[in-house]
Amino acid sequence: MFIGSINPDTRVLVESLIPEFDGLPVFVGCSGNFTIERLLANHGITNVTSNDVSLYSTAIGCHLTRRKLHIGISDENFAWLEQYMQDGESQIATLLLCSEYFKFVYNDLPYYIRQAGAYRNQFDKLFQKTVARVRDRLGALTIKDYFCGDVLKYLDAVPEESVFLSFPPTYTGGYEKLYARIEEIFAWDKPVYEVFSEASFEILKMEMKKKKKWVTLRDEPDPKDAEFLIAEFQPASTTRTVCVYSNIKTKCRISKPQKLFAPVMIERALGELTGNLKLARLTVEQMNTLRSEYMSRSIDFPAVADVVIGICDNDKLLGVLGIKKVSPYYRSLADVYMVADFCVGPSIYKRLSKLVLCVALTTDVKKILEAEFQYPVKKIFTTVFTKKAVSMKYRGLFELFNKKEKGDALNYVAETGRWTLKEAFEFWKEKYGDC
């Protein structure tokens, strides 16, 4: 995974502005993953100077300008990485791999220990594949120069007759949080710079407006520069709106996520349950309808379900499961991800949601998923967004295997195929089925 990239809508917008550059030299501030530079190269523009302060970006900048970057290892536990950092491509590949690998080191939870061990054992194989990816992505990319240092100092040297593009961190300490572990373990000649802040952005705007053409963005509207607003993009309903500003005249573009809905012509199971459970396939659009009807508006689905299953009692709907296929990368953890599980209401039962979870672990659901995804489904996992230490809803049926660093999300996993629909109902009725 390449890190530090701008979203697809912004990439398309920037590409549409390239014909307006009029052959001027282009200066990119906060190059990140060099996404802008790759867009420019696709249009034959090579008179480009790049800039950043991170080790990862500097490795790319030095490689593209054929400069040697000296990188050492600060932590002797990772001295074995030196063999993988012999040239520019291998340095970039190693840093790229470690950006994921280091998320799991120095954590004593079983999940993190397993993941870190898997990375270490397969590092050589992963490294070879990553080098090939780096070569493919950067092979045709050419830039004129690279400046490693503070973007405001860099901007001072940018001539007025130029195009200046900068997509800086949208929150204070953004780069520092993203690359913290990388900077701890690798040693290099770090540049001196001010942590980017709102005050820095105000200075950046003032100085870049002196250039002939400029483009930048923020993750919130800036009323003072409303005349320069050329786009508002919200990639997903759970992300903040990206506001793009420029003095290049173009039509303002707006892109917002939309959910589609469809009617659900199934009677709801609002009274006493008989135990004659059945499963019914639903569409994502129908799940959206049910979700808007029965779930809190504060709860959103960042992932789209591949399979939606309605749980019925005597052909009356009592709950919904939304399941997503996971990539082979995550199969060491689980085979599928449950993006939604909720019951309809009102109900006479206090813990009807527990029945929905019991059904999720049945052989019947397992068969549907295996037929759909064409691979064995042994484990299912899900995420609970809460600041509490545990989720009582999942306790007893799912196992808590890790907690997000920020402390506002819990991940739960369980084995599938535990019982039949009938057995699931009997277990729920006995343990949780009080009214």
Protein backbone atom coordinates (compact mmCIF):
# COMPACT_ATOMS: atom_id res chain seq x y z
CA MET A 1 0.00 0.00 0.00
CA PHE A 2 1.38 3.40 -0.98
CA ILE A 3 0.88 5.91 1.81
CA GLY A 4 0.36 9.67 1.81
CA SER A 5 -1.89 9.73 -1.26
CA ILE A 6 -4.61 12.26 -2.06
CA ASN A 7 -8.11 10.95 -2.77
CA PRO A 8 -9.24 9.94 -6.30
CA ASP A 9 -11.57 12.94 -6.77
CA THR A 10 -8.76 15.37 -6.03
CA ARG A 11 -6.42 13.52 -8.39
CA VAL A 12 -8.95 13.81 -11.22
CA LEU A 13 -9.42 17.52 -10.49
CA VAL A 14 -5.69 18.27 -10.49
CA GLU A 15 -5.27 16.36 -13.74
CA SER A 16 -8.02 18.46 -15.34
CA LEU A 17 -6.11 21.63 -14.37
CA ILE A 18 -2.80 20.59 -15.97
CA PRO A 19 -3.63 22.16 -19.39
CA GLU A 20 -3.88 25.52 -17.55
CA PHE A 21 -0.25 25.37 -16.38
CA ASP A 22 0.91 26.94 -19.69
CA GLY A 23 4.35 25.33 -19.65
CA LEU A 24 5.32 26.99 -16.37
CA PRO A 25 7.73 25.19 -14.01
CA VAL A 26 5.85 23.26 -11.33
CA PHE A 27 6.77 23.21 -7.64
CA VAL A 28 5.09 20.68 -5.35
CA GLY A 29 5.05 21.26 -1.60
CA CYS A 30 4.51 18.30 0.77
CA SER A 31 4.91 15.69 -1.97
CA GLY A 32 3.95 12.76 0.27
CA ASN A 33 3.61 9.77 -2.02
CA PHE A 34 4.46 11.80 -5.16
CA THR A 35 0.93 11.34 -6.48
CA ILE A 36 0.94 14.80 -8.06
CA GLU A 37 4.30 14.18 -9.68
CA ARG A 38 3.01 10.95 -11.23
CA LEU A 39 -0.02 12.78 -12.64
CA LEU A 40 2.27 15.42 -14.15
CA ALA A 41 4.57 12.77 -15.62
CA ASN A 42 1.58 11.13 -17.31
CA HIS A 43 1.15 14.43 -19.20
CA GLY A 44 4.82 14.74 -20.11
CA ILE A 45 5.62 17.42 -17.53
CA THR A 46 9.10 16.89 -16.06
CA ASN A 47 10.11 20.43 -15.05
CA VAL A 48 9.00 19.61 -11.52
CA THR A 49 10.61 20.29 -8.15
CA SER A 50 9.35 18.29 -5.16
CA ASN A 51 9.49 18.83 -1.41
CA ASP A 52 8.85 17.01 1.86
CA VAL A 53 10.28 16.31 5.31
CA SER A 54 9.52 12.62 5.90
CA LEU A 55 12.07 9.83 5.46
CA TYR A 56 9.75 7.91 3.16
CA SER A 57 9.21 10.86 0.78
CA THR A 58 12.87 11.83 0.92
CA ALA A 59 13.87 8.31 -0.08
CA ILE A 60 11.68 8.68 -3.17
CA GLY A 61 13.00 12.20 -3.89
CA CYS A 62 16.64 11.11 -3.62
CA HIS A 63 16.04 8.05 -5.78
CA LEU A 64 14.39 10.13 -8.51
CA THR A 65 17.20 12.71 -8.48
CA ARG A 66 19.91 10.02 -8.27
CA ARG A 67 21.20 11.10 -4.89
CA LYS A 68 22.50 8.76 -2.22
CA LEU A 69 20.44 8.74 0.99
CA HIS A 70 22.21 7.36 4.05
CA ILE A 71 19.81 5.48 6.33
CA GLY A 72 20.92 3.72 9.52
CA ILE A 73 19.14 1.61 12.13
CA SER A 74 18.57 3.18 15.56
CA ASP A 75 17.10 0.05 17.14
CA GLU A 76 19.42 -2.98 17.15
CA ASN A 77 16.39 -5.29 17.15
CA PHE A 78 15.94 -4.31 13.51
CA ALA A 79 19.57 -4.40 12.40
CA TRP A 80 18.60 -7.24 10.05
CA LEU A 81 16.81 -4.66 7.85
CA GLU A 82 20.13 -3.21 6.67
CA GLN A 83 20.52 -6.00 4.09
CA TYR A 84 17.32 -4.79 2.42
CA MET A 85 18.45 -1.17 1.98
CA GLN A 86 21.24 -1.28 -0.60
CA ASP A 87 19.88 1.22 -3.14
CA GLY A 88 17.07 3.70 -3.67
CA GLU A 89 14.41 1.22 -4.77
CA SER A 90 15.18 -1.17 -1.91
CA GLN A 91 15.12 1.68 0.64
CA ILE A 92 11.70 2.80 -0.55
CA ALA A 93 10.37 -0.78 -0.55
CA THR A 94 11.69 -1.43 2.97
CA LEU A 95 10.19 1.78 4.36
CA LEU A 96 6.91 0.99 2.66
CA LEU A 97 6.78 -2.50 4.14
CA CYS A 98 7.82 -1.27 7.58
CA SER A 99 5.05 1.33 7.63
CA GLU A 100 2.68 -1.65 7.99
CA TYR A 101 4.99 -4.04 9.85
CA PHE A 102 5.80 -1.54 12.61
CA LYS A 103 2.12 -1.22 13.50
CA PHE A 104 2.42 -4.64 15.15
CA VAL A 105 5.79 -4.46 16.92
CA TYR A 106 6.25 -3.69 20.62
CA ASN A 107 2.71 -4.78 21.48
CA ASP A 108 2.15 -7.81 23.73
CA LEU A 109 -1.41 -8.62 22.63
CA PRO A 110 -1.58 -12.06 20.92
CA TYR A 111 -2.95 -10.67 17.66
CA TYR A 112 -0.10 -8.17 17.30
CA ILE A 113 2.49 -10.79 18.22
CA ARG A 114 1.16 -13.13 15.51
CA GLN A 115 1.06 -10.39 12.90
CA ALA A 116 4.58 -9.17 13.70
CA GLY A 117 5.87 -12.76 13.52
CA ALA A 118 4.18 -13.32 10.17
CA TYR A 119 5.76 -10.16 8.74
CA ARG A 120 9.20 -11.14 9.99
CA ASN A 121 8.97 -14.68 8.63
CA GLN A 122 7.74 -13.55 5.21
CA PHE A 123 9.72 -10.33 4.94
CA ASP A 124 12.04 -11.51 2.18
CA LYS A 125 9.15 -12.62 -0.02
CA LEU A 126 7.16 -9.45 0.67
CA PHE A 127 10.25 -7.34 -0.01
CA GLN A 128 10.77 -8.80 -3.49
CA LYS A 129 7.14 -8.11 -4.41
CA THR A 130 7.28 -4.58 -3.00
CA VAL A 131 10.45 -3.72 -4.93
CA ALA A 132 8.66 -4.78 -8.12
CA ARG A 133 5.72 -2.53 -7.23
CA VAL A 134 8.02 0.42 -6.50
CA ARG A 135 9.81 -0.07 -9.80
CA ASP A 136 6.48 -0.20 -11.63
CA ARG A 137 5.12 2.94 -9.95
CA LEU A 138 8.26 5.07 -10.11
CA GLY A 139 10.00 3.72 -13.22
CA ALA A 140 8.61 6.35 -15.61
CA LEU A 141 8.63 9.21 -13.10
CA THR A 142 11.08 12.09 -13.58
CA ILE A 143 11.54 15.24 -11.51
CA LYS A 144 14.07 18.06 -11.84
CA ASP A 145 14.96 18.47 -8.17
CA TYR A 146 13.95 17.62 -4.59
CA PHE A 147 14.13 19.83 -1.49
CA CYS A 148 14.12 18.12 1.91
CA GLY A 149 12.95 20.71 4.41
CA ASP A 150 10.25 23.03 5.71
CA VAL A 151 7.64 23.79 3.04
CA LEU A 152 7.55 27.48 4.03
CA LYS A 153 11.31 27.82 3.57
CA TYR A 154 10.98 25.94 0.28
CA LEU A 155 8.22 28.28 -0.85
CA ASP A 156 10.46 31.34 -0.36
CA ALA A 157 12.70 30.13 -3.19
CA VAL A 158 9.86 29.35 -5.62
CA PRO A 159 9.78 31.94 -8.44
CA GLU A 160 6.63 33.97 -9.00
CA GLU A 161 6.32 32.79 -12.61
CA SER A 162 5.47 29.21 -11.65
CA VAL A 163 2.75 26.79 -10.59
CA PHE A 164 2.72 25.91 -6.90
CA LEU A 165 0.78 22.83 -5.72
CA SER A 166 0.67 21.87 -2.06
CA PHE A 167 -1.50 19.44 -0.13
CA PRO A 168 -0.14 19.75 3.43
CA PRO A 169 -1.29 17.78 6.51
CA THR A 170 -4.84 18.74 7.41
CA TYR A 171 -4.30 18.42 11.15
CA THR A 172 -1.45 19.48 13.45
CA GLY A 173 1.24 16.83 13.71
CA GLY A 174 -0.25 14.83 10.83
CA TYR A 175 3.09 13.74 9.36
CA GLU A 176 4.56 13.08 12.79
CA LYS A 177 1.71 10.70 13.72
CA LEU A 178 1.85 8.92 10.36
CA TYR A 179 5.60 8.26 10.40
CA ALA A 180 6.30 8.14 14.17
CA ARG A 181 7.51 4.54 14.39
CA ILE A 182 9.53 4.82 11.17
CA GLU A 183 11.37 7.85 12.57
CA GLU A 184 12.05 6.02 15.87
CA ILE A 185 13.69 2.98 14.31
CA PHE A 186 15.55 4.45 11.31
CA ALA A 187 18.34 7.01 11.63
CA TRP A 188 18.96 9.66 8.96
CA ASP A 189 19.86 13.31 8.55
CA LYS A 190 16.48 14.75 9.51
CA PRO A 191 15.61 18.27 8.34
CA VAL A 192 14.73 21.02 10.81
CA TYR A 193 11.17 22.24 10.32
CA GLU A 194 8.17 23.64 12.16
CA VAL A 195 5.30 21.21 12.79
CA PHE A 196 2.59 22.24 10.33
CA SER A 197 -0.33 24.03 12.00
CA GLU A 198 -3.22 26.34 11.19
CA ALA A 199 -0.87 29.30 11.56
CA SER A 200 1.53 27.65 9.10
CA PHE A 201 -1.28 27.20 6.62
CA GLU A 202 -2.18 30.88 6.80
CA ILE A 203 1.41 31.79 5.97
CA LEU A 204 1.46 29.19 3.19
CA LYS A 205 -1.68 30.68 1.63
CA MET A 206 -0.33 34.22 1.80
CA GLU A 207 2.96 33.29 0.13
CA MET A 208 1.61 30.94 -2.50
CA LYS A 209 -0.85 33.59 -3.69
CA LYS A 210 2.19 35.49 -4.95
CA LYS A 211 2.77 32.73 -7.52
CA LYS A 212 1.18 32.88 -10.93
CA LYS A 213 -0.94 29.75 -10.36
CA TRP A 214 -1.55 27.71 -7.24
CA VAL A 215 -3.68 24.88 -5.83
CA THR A 216 -4.10 23.68 -2.24
CA LEU A 217 -6.67 21.99 0.01
CA ARG A 218 -8.02 21.80 3.56
CA ASP A 219 -10.46 19.46 5.29
CA GLU A 220 -12.84 22.25 6.26
CA PRO A 221 -14.25 25.35 4.51
CA ASP A 222 -12.28 28.58 4.71
CA PRO A 223 -14.76 31.50 4.43
CA LYS A 224 -11.92 33.99 3.89
CA ASP A 225 -11.03 32.28 0.60
CA ALA A 226 -14.52 31.39 -0.63
CA GLU A 227 -13.79 33.06 -3.98
CA PHE A 228 -11.02 30.53 -4.63
CA LEU A 229 -13.04 27.40 -3.75
CA ILE A 230 -13.10 25.08 -6.79
CA ALA A 231 -14.20 21.76 -5.26
CA GLU A 232 -15.71 20.01 -2.24
CA PHE A 233 -15.12 16.27 -2.03
CA GLN A 234 -16.30 13.85 0.63
CA PRO A 235 -14.97 10.38 -0.33
CA ALA A 236 -17.12 8.54 2.26
CA SER A 237 -19.81 9.39 4.75
CA THR A 238 -17.36 8.76 7.61
CA THR A 239 -14.68 11.15 6.30
CA ARG A 240 -14.41 14.92 6.43
CA THR A 241 -15.06 17.08 3.39
CA VAL A 242 -11.95 18.07 1.42
CA CYS A 243 -12.06 21.65 0.14
CA VAL A 244 -9.80 22.47 -2.82
CA TYR A 245 -8.75 26.09 -3.42
CA SER A 246 -7.05 27.61 -6.48
CA ASN A 247 -6.74 30.81 -8.49
CA ILE A 248 -7.21 28.78 -11.68
CA LYS A 249 -10.70 29.50 -12.96
CA THR A 250 -12.85 26.39 -13.34
CA LYS A 251 -16.35 25.20 -12.50
CA CYS A 252 -16.80 24.33 -8.83
CA ARG A 253 -17.22 20.58 -8.33
CA ILE A 254 -19.05 18.85 -5.50
CA SER A 255 -18.91 15.14 -4.77
CA LYS A 256 -20.76 13.60 -1.80
CA PRO A 257 -21.38 9.94 -0.92
CA GLN A 258 -24.87 8.67 -1.57
CA LYS A 259 -26.72 5.65 -0.24
CA LEU A 260 -29.36 3.94 -2.35
CA PHE A 261 -32.53 2.57 -0.80
CA ALA A 262 -35.10 -0.08 -1.74
CA PRO A 263 -38.39 -1.15 -0.12
CA VAL A 264 -38.47 -4.24 2.11
CA MET A 265 -41.82 -5.96 1.69
CA ILE A 266 -41.43 -8.33 4.63
CA GLU A 267 -43.61 -8.21 7.74
CA ARG A 268 -41.66 -7.50 10.94
CA ALA A 269 -41.51 -10.02 13.82
CA LEU A 270 -42.70 -7.77 16.63
CA GLY A 271 -44.39 -10.32 18.90
CA GLU A 272 -43.43 -13.64 20.44
CA LEU A 273 -41.05 -15.76 18.35
CA THR A 274 -41.88 -19.34 17.35
CA GLY A 275 -38.32 -20.50 16.74
CA ASN A 276 -38.99 -21.44 13.11
CA LEU A 277 -36.03 -19.44 11.82
CA LYS A 278 -35.33 -18.91 8.12
CA LEU A 279 -32.80 -16.91 6.14
CA ALA A 280 -33.63 -14.57 3.26
CA ARG A 281 -31.20 -12.82 0.91
CA LEU A 282 -31.59 -9.06 0.84
CA THR A 283 -29.91 -6.35 -1.23
CA VAL A 284 -27.56 -3.68 0.07
CA GLU A 285 -30.21 -1.10 -0.82
CA GLN A 286 -32.75 -2.95 1.35
CA MET A 287 -30.25 -3.11 4.20
CA ASN A 288 -29.80 0.66 3.93
CA THR A 289 -33.56 1.07 4.28
CA LEU A 290 -33.70 -1.16 7.35
CA ARG A 291 -30.63 0.43 8.85
CA SER A 292 -32.13 3.93 8.54
CA GLU A 293 -35.32 2.63 10.13
CA TYR A 294 -33.91 0.72 13.09
CA MET A 295 -30.38 1.95 13.85
CA SER A 296 -29.06 5.15 15.37
CA ARG A 297 -28.21 7.90 12.91
CA SER A 298 -24.81 8.24 14.58
CA ILE A 299 -23.82 4.75 13.38
CA ASP A 300 -22.46 4.54 9.85
CA PHE A 301 -21.16 1.79 7.61
CA PRO A 302 -17.70 2.63 6.29
CA ALA A 303 -17.67 -0.70 4.41
CA VAL A 304 -20.27 -1.99 1.94
CA ALA A 305 -21.58 -5.51 2.53
CA ASP A 306 -21.08 -8.14 -0.17
CA VAL A 307 -23.82 -10.38 1.28
CA VAL A 308 -26.91 -9.23 3.16
CA ILE A 309 -28.95 -11.84 5.03
CA GLY A 310 -32.37 -11.27 6.55
CA ILE A 311 -33.25 -13.40 9.60
CA CYS A 312 -36.90 -14.37 9.72
CA ASP A 313 -39.19 -16.14 12.17
CA ASN A 314 -42.10 -17.73 10.30
CA ASP A 315 -41.41 -15.40 7.35
CA LYS A 316 -41.40 -12.31 9.60
CA LEU A 317 -38.18 -10.30 9.68
CA LEU A 318 -36.40 -10.05 13.05
CA GLY A 319 -32.86 -9.03 12.12
CA VAL A 320 -30.21 -8.38 9.45
CA LEU A 321 -26.61 -9.44 8.84
CA GLY A 322 -24.26 -7.63 6.44
CA ILE A 323 -21.08 -9.56 5.58
CA LYS A 324 -18.05 -8.47 3.57
CA LYS A 325 -15.35 -10.58 1.95
CA VAL A 326 -11.83 -9.87 3.24
CA SER A 327 -8.64 -9.88 1.21
CA PRO A 328 -6.16 -12.76 1.57
CA TYR A 329 -3.94 -10.34 3.52
CA TYR A 330 -6.36 -10.50 6.47
CA ARG A 331 -7.14 -14.23 6.32
CA SER A 332 -4.75 -14.95 9.19
CA LEU A 333 -7.23 -13.03 11.33
CA ALA A 334 -10.60 -14.08 9.89
CA ASP A 335 -12.26 -15.01 6.61
CA VAL A 336 -15.12 -12.51 6.54
CA TYR A 337 -15.98 -9.17 8.13
CA MET A 338 -19.41 -8.43 9.60
CA VAL A 339 -20.15 -4.81 8.71
CA ALA A 340 -23.68 -4.84 10.17
CA ASP A 341 -25.78 -6.87 12.59
CA PHE A 342 -28.99 -5.44 13.98
CA CYS A 343 -32.52 -6.44 14.95
CA VAL A 344 -35.81 -4.81 14.01
CA GLY A 345 -38.14 -3.32 16.56
CA PRO A 346 -39.92 -2.66 18.70
CA SER A 347 -39.51 -6.10 20.26
CA ILE A 348 -40.86 -7.73 23.40
CA TYR A 349 -37.40 -9.26 23.95
CA LYS A 350 -34.68 -7.35 25.80
CA ARG A 351 -31.76 -9.04 24.04
CA LEU A 352 -32.99 -9.85 20.56
CA SER A 353 -29.66 -8.57 19.22
CA LYS A 354 -28.03 -11.63 20.80
CA LEU A 355 -30.17 -13.88 18.59
CA VAL A 356 -28.89 -12.05 15.50
CA LEU A 357 -25.33 -12.84 16.61
CA CYS A 358 -26.21 -16.47 17.35
CA VAL A 359 -27.55 -16.80 13.81
CA ALA A 360 -24.36 -15.26 12.39
CA LEU A 361 -22.47 -18.28 13.78
CA THR A 362 -24.74 -20.97 12.29
CA THR A 363 -23.89 -23.57 9.66
CA ASP A 364 -26.66 -22.07 7.51
CA VAL A 365 -24.97 -18.67 7.29
CA LYS A 366 -21.60 -20.36 6.82
CA LYS A 367 -22.94 -22.26 3.76
CA ILE A 368 -24.31 -19.07 2.19
CA LEU A 369 -21.00 -17.26 2.63
CA GLU A 370 -18.89 -20.15 1.33
CA ALA A 371 -21.12 -20.50 -1.73
CA GLU A 372 -20.86 -16.76 -2.38
CA PHE A 373 -17.13 -16.29 -1.76
CA GLN A 374 -15.91 -19.71 -2.97
CA TYR A 375 -13.52 -20.35 -0.08
CA PRO A 376 -13.83 -21.84 3.45
CA VAL A 377 -15.29 -19.46 6.03
CA LYS A 378 -14.05 -20.51 9.45
CA LYS A 379 -13.90 -17.21 11.32
CA ILE A 380 -15.84 -13.98 11.27
CA PHE A 381 -14.81 -10.66 12.83
CA THR A 382 -16.36 -7.27 13.44
CA THR A 383 -15.62 -3.86 14.96
CA VAL A 384 -17.52 -2.21 17.80
CA PHE A 385 -17.13 1.56 18.18
CA THR A 386 -17.26 2.27 21.89
CA LYS A 387 -15.10 3.79 24.61
CA LYS A 388 -16.02 0.97 27.01
CA ALA A 389 -13.58 -1.83 27.84
CA VAL A 390 -15.92 -4.51 26.46
CA SER A 391 -19.17 -4.77 24.51
CA MET A 392 -21.89 -6.64 26.40
CA LYS A 393 -23.67 -7.34 23.11
CA TYR A 394 -20.80 -9.50 21.81
CA ARG A 395 -19.59 -10.88 25.12
CA GLY A 396 -20.11 -14.62 25.45
CA LEU A 397 -20.42 -15.21 21.69
CA PHE A 398 -17.44 -13.37 20.22
CA GLU A 399 -13.90 -13.08 21.58
CA LEU A 400 -12.26 -9.69 22.07
CA PHE A 401 -8.89 -9.93 20.33
CA ASN A 402 -7.66 -6.34 20.17
CA LYS A 403 -8.46 -2.73 20.91
CA LYS A 404 -7.63 0.23 18.65
CA GLU A 405 -4.87 2.48 19.96
CA LYS A 406 -7.21 5.45 20.36
CA GLY A 407 -9.39 3.32 22.62
CA ASP A 408 -12.66 3.97 20.79
CA ALA A 409 -12.98 0.70 18.87
CA LEU A 410 -12.95 -2.99 19.81
CA ASN A 411 -12.42 -5.88 17.42
CA TYR A 412 -14.22 -9.17 18.04
CA VAL A 413 -13.79 -12.55 16.34
CA ALA A 414 -15.72 -15.86 16.48
CA GLU A 415 -15.73 -19.26 14.79
CA THR A 416 -18.52 -19.90 12.30
CA GLY A 417 -20.62 -23.06 11.93
CA ARG A 418 -21.15 -23.44 15.67
CA TRP A 419 -24.70 -24.74 15.40
CA THR A 420 -27.84 -25.02 13.27
CA LEU A 421 -30.57 -22.37 13.15
CA LYS A 422 -32.70 -24.48 15.50
CA GLU A 423 -29.84 -24.94 17.97
CA ALA A 424 -29.01 -21.23 17.80
CA PHE A 425 -32.58 -20.31 18.73
CA GLU A 426 -32.72 -22.85 21.56
CA PHE A 427 -29.44 -21.56 23.01
CA TRP A 428 -30.60 -17.95 22.76
CA LYS A 429 -34.04 -18.73 24.19
CA GLU A 430 -32.57 -20.42 27.22
CA LYS A 431 -29.83 -17.88 27.96
CA TYR A 432 -31.03 -14.55 26.58
CA GLY A 433 -34.69 -14.94 25.60
CA ASP A 434 -36.34 -13.16 28.53
CA CYS A 435 -38.97 -10.56 27.68
